[in-house]
């Protein structure tokens, strides 16, 4: 099966008794919806000690052309395993 990875922006919000902390945006390439779900769970576990964790995801549009490398480098994108 051929596929093209998709770029996703993750916004992580942590809600404690006193505050809501928004962590910086994280950009990643994902291969499938399952990869996306696994990554969300990993970030929830990573921040769970700070409070209740919410992860917002946004699929970003990439045009697969000669400029795609520049787009990925600018977004600091990386494959997840």
N, C-alpha and C. Protein backbone atom coordinates (compact mmCIF):
# COMPACT_ATOMS: atom_id res chain seq x y z
N UNK A 1 0.84 -1.19 0.00
CA UNK A 1 0.00 0.00 0.00
C UNK A 1 0.88 1.24 0.00
N UNK A 2 0.67 2.13 -0.93
CA UNK A 2 1.42 3.38 -0.98
C UNK A 2 0.69 4.45 -0.19
N UNK A 3 1.45 5.26 0.48
CA UNK A 3 0.86 6.36 1.24
C UNK A 3 1.87 7.48 1.33
N UNK A 4 1.40 8.65 1.62
CA UNK A 4 2.27 9.77 1.90
C UNK A 4 2.04 10.17 3.35
N UNK A 5 3.11 10.36 4.10
CA UNK A 5 2.93 10.78 5.49
C UNK A 5 2.28 12.16 5.54
N UNK A 6 1.57 12.41 6.60
CA UNK A 6 0.89 13.69 6.78
C UNK A 6 1.52 14.43 7.94
N UNK A 7 1.56 15.73 7.82
CA UNK A 7 2.11 16.57 8.88
C UNK A 7 0.99 16.94 9.84
N UNK A 8 1.27 16.79 11.13
CA UNK A 8 0.27 17.08 12.16
C UNK A 8 0.88 18.03 13.19
N UNK A 9 0.09 19.01 13.62
CA UNK A 9 0.49 19.90 14.71
C UNK A 9 -0.21 19.42 15.97
N UNK A 10 0.57 19.24 17.03
CA UNK A 10 0.03 18.85 18.33
C UNK A 10 0.11 20.06 19.26
N UNK A 11 -0.99 20.40 19.91
CA UNK A 11 -1.01 21.40 20.97
C UNK A 11 -1.36 20.66 22.25
N UNK A 12 -0.50 20.81 23.25
CA UNK A 12 -0.70 20.09 24.50
C UNK A 12 -1.09 21.08 25.57
N UNK A 13 -2.25 20.86 26.19
CA UNK A 13 -2.73 21.70 27.29
C UNK A 13 -2.77 20.86 28.56
N UNK A 14 -2.23 21.41 29.64
CA UNK A 14 -2.25 20.71 30.92
C UNK A 14 -3.00 21.59 31.91
N UNK A 15 -4.04 21.02 32.52
CA UNK A 15 -4.88 21.74 33.45
C UNK A 15 -4.62 21.22 34.86
N UNK A 16 -4.15 22.10 35.74
CA UNK A 16 -3.97 21.72 37.14
C UNK A 16 -5.02 22.47 37.96
N UNK A 17 -4.95 22.31 39.27
CA UNK A 17 -5.92 22.98 40.14
C UNK A 17 -5.86 24.50 40.01
N UNK A 18 -4.67 25.03 39.74
CA UNK A 18 -4.48 26.47 39.74
C UNK A 18 -4.30 27.10 38.37
N UNK A 19 -3.97 26.32 37.37
CA UNK A 19 -3.52 26.94 36.13
C UNK A 19 -3.78 26.04 34.93
N UNK A 20 -3.76 26.66 33.75
CA UNK A 20 -3.77 25.93 32.49
C UNK A 20 -2.47 26.30 31.77
N UNK A 21 -1.69 25.30 31.45
CA UNK A 21 -0.41 25.52 30.78
C UNK A 21 -0.52 25.01 29.36
N UNK A 22 -0.19 25.88 28.40
CA UNK A 22 -0.17 25.45 27.00
C UNK A 22 1.28 25.24 26.62
N UNK A 23 1.61 24.02 26.27
CA UNK A 23 2.97 23.71 25.85
C UNK A 23 3.12 24.08 24.38
N UNK A 24 4.34 24.25 23.96
CA UNK A 24 4.58 24.69 22.59
C UNK A 24 4.04 23.69 21.58
N UNK A 25 3.81 24.18 20.37
CA UNK A 25 3.35 23.31 19.30
C UNK A 25 4.44 22.31 18.96
N UNK A 26 4.02 21.11 18.66
CA UNK A 26 4.92 20.06 18.24
C UNK A 26 4.45 19.60 16.86
N UNK A 27 5.35 19.54 15.92
CA UNK A 27 5.01 19.11 14.57
C UNK A 27 5.64 17.74 14.32
N UNK A 28 4.84 16.83 13.74
CA UNK A 28 5.34 15.49 13.42
C UNK A 28 4.70 15.00 12.14
N UNK A 29 5.42 14.10 11.49
CA UNK A 29 4.85 13.37 10.36
C UNK A 29 4.27 12.07 10.89
N UNK A 30 3.06 11.76 10.50
CA UNK A 30 2.45 10.49 10.90
C UNK A 30 2.06 9.71 9.66
N UNK A 31 2.10 8.40 9.80
CA UNK A 31 1.81 7.53 8.68
C UNK A 31 0.34 7.12 8.60
N UNK A 32 -0.33 7.15 9.76
CA UNK A 32 -1.71 6.67 9.80
C UNK A 32 -2.43 7.25 11.01
N UNK A 33 -3.72 7.03 11.06
CA UNK A 33 -4.53 7.45 12.21
C UNK A 33 -4.06 6.74 13.48
N UNK A 34 -3.64 5.48 13.34
CA UNK A 34 -3.14 4.72 14.48
C UNK A 34 -1.87 5.36 15.04
N UNK A 35 -0.97 5.82 14.16
CA UNK A 35 0.23 6.53 14.60
C UNK A 35 -0.15 7.79 15.37
N UNK A 36 -1.13 8.50 14.86
CA UNK A 36 -1.59 9.72 15.52
C UNK A 36 -2.13 9.41 16.91
N UNK A 37 -2.98 8.41 17.01
CA UNK A 37 -3.56 8.02 18.31
C UNK A 37 -2.49 7.59 19.30
N UNK A 38 -1.51 6.82 18.83
CA UNK A 38 -0.42 6.37 19.70
C UNK A 38 0.39 7.56 20.22
N UNK A 39 0.66 8.51 19.35
CA UNK A 39 1.44 9.69 19.74
C UNK A 39 0.68 10.53 20.77
N UNK A 40 -0.61 10.69 20.57
CA UNK A 40 -1.42 11.43 21.54
C UNK A 40 -1.33 10.77 22.91
N UNK A 41 -1.45 9.45 22.95
CA UNK A 41 -1.37 8.74 24.22
C UNK A 41 0.00 8.90 24.89
N UNK A 42 1.06 8.89 24.09
CA UNK A 42 2.40 9.07 24.64
C UNK A 42 2.55 10.44 25.29
N UNK A 43 2.02 11.48 24.63
CA UNK A 43 2.13 12.82 25.22
C UNK A 43 1.25 12.98 26.45
N UNK A 44 0.10 12.31 26.47
CA UNK A 44 -0.74 12.36 27.67
C UNK A 44 0.00 11.74 28.85
N UNK A 45 0.66 10.62 28.63
CA UNK A 45 1.41 9.97 29.71
C UNK A 45 2.61 10.82 30.14
N UNK A 46 3.23 11.49 29.18
CA UNK A 46 4.40 12.31 29.48
C UNK A 46 4.07 13.46 30.43
N UNK A 47 2.90 14.07 30.26
CA UNK A 47 2.53 15.26 31.04
C UNK A 47 1.53 14.99 32.15
N UNK A 48 1.11 13.74 32.36
CA UNK A 48 0.03 13.45 33.31
C UNK A 48 0.36 13.83 34.75
N UNK A 49 1.63 13.91 35.10
CA UNK A 49 2.00 14.29 36.47
C UNK A 49 1.71 15.75 36.77
N UNK A 50 1.62 16.57 35.71
CA UNK A 50 1.39 18.00 35.88
C UNK A 50 -0.10 18.34 36.05
N UNK A 51 -0.98 17.42 35.68
CA UNK A 51 -2.42 17.67 35.77
C UNK A 51 -3.17 16.92 34.68
N UNK A 52 -4.39 17.37 34.42
CA UNK A 52 -5.20 16.75 33.37
C UNK A 52 -4.70 17.22 32.01
N UNK A 53 -4.47 16.28 31.10
CA UNK A 53 -3.84 16.58 29.82
C UNK A 53 -4.85 16.51 28.69
N UNK A 54 -4.82 17.55 27.85
CA UNK A 54 -5.63 17.59 26.64
C UNK A 54 -4.69 17.79 25.46
N UNK A 55 -4.90 17.02 24.40
CA UNK A 55 -4.06 17.14 23.21
C UNK A 55 -4.97 17.49 22.04
N UNK A 56 -4.67 18.62 21.43
CA UNK A 56 -5.41 19.05 20.24
C UNK A 56 -4.52 18.75 19.03
N UNK A 57 -5.09 18.13 18.01
CA UNK A 57 -4.33 17.83 16.80
C UNK A 57 -4.94 18.54 15.62
N UNK A 58 -4.07 18.90 14.70
CA UNK A 58 -4.52 19.59 13.48
C UNK A 58 -3.71 19.04 12.31
N UNK A 59 -4.41 18.48 11.33
CA UNK A 59 -3.75 18.00 10.12
C UNK A 59 -3.38 19.21 9.30
N UNK A 60 -2.14 19.29 8.86
CA UNK A 60 -1.67 20.42 8.07
C UNK A 60 -1.51 20.01 6.62
N UNK A 61 -1.71 20.96 5.75
CA UNK A 61 -1.62 20.70 4.32
C UNK A 61 -0.17 20.85 3.88
N UNK A 62 0.31 19.85 3.18
CA UNK A 62 1.63 19.90 2.56
C UNK A 62 1.47 19.60 1.09
N UNK A 63 2.14 20.36 0.28
CA UNK A 63 2.14 20.01 -1.14
C UNK A 63 3.41 19.22 -1.39
N UNK A 64 3.27 18.03 -1.92
CA UNK A 64 4.43 17.18 -2.16
C UNK A 64 5.05 17.59 -3.49
N UNK A 65 5.99 18.50 -3.40
CA UNK A 65 6.70 19.02 -4.56
C UNK A 65 8.16 19.14 -4.17
N UNK A 66 8.92 19.84 -4.96
CA UNK A 66 10.33 20.05 -4.63
C UNK A 66 10.48 20.85 -3.34
N UNK A 67 9.49 21.59 -2.97
CA UNK A 67 9.57 22.43 -1.77
C UNK A 67 9.21 21.69 -0.49
N UNK A 68 8.80 20.44 -0.58
CA UNK A 68 8.35 19.73 0.61
C UNK A 68 9.47 19.60 1.64
N UNK A 69 10.70 19.41 1.21
CA UNK A 69 11.81 19.30 2.15
C UNK A 69 11.95 20.57 2.96
N UNK A 70 11.83 21.71 2.31
CA UNK A 70 11.92 22.99 3.03
C UNK A 70 10.78 23.14 4.02
N UNK A 71 9.58 22.72 3.64
CA UNK A 71 8.43 22.79 4.55
C UNK A 71 8.67 21.95 5.80
N UNK A 72 9.19 20.75 5.60
CA UNK A 72 9.41 19.85 6.73
C UNK A 72 10.53 20.35 7.64
N UNK A 73 11.57 20.88 7.06
CA UNK A 73 12.67 21.41 7.87
C UNK A 73 12.18 22.62 8.66
N UNK A 74 11.42 23.50 8.02
CA UNK A 74 10.90 24.69 8.70
C UNK A 74 9.99 24.31 9.85
N UNK A 75 9.23 23.22 9.69
CA UNK A 75 8.31 22.79 10.74
C UNK A 75 9.00 21.89 11.77
N UNK A 76 10.28 21.59 11.56
CA UNK A 76 11.03 20.69 12.45
C UNK A 76 10.30 19.35 12.58
N UNK A 77 9.77 18.87 11.48
CA UNK A 77 8.99 17.63 11.46
C UNK A 77 9.91 16.43 11.57
N UNK A 78 9.40 15.35 12.15
CA UNK A 78 10.14 14.11 12.24
C UNK A 78 9.16 12.95 12.24
N UNK A 79 9.62 11.80 11.73
CA UNK A 79 8.78 10.62 11.74
C UNK A 79 8.66 10.09 13.14
N UNK A 80 7.50 9.55 13.46
CA UNK A 80 7.34 8.87 14.75
C UNK A 80 7.42 7.38 14.50
N UNK A 81 7.83 6.65 15.50
CA UNK A 81 7.99 5.19 15.36
C UNK A 81 7.04 4.49 16.27
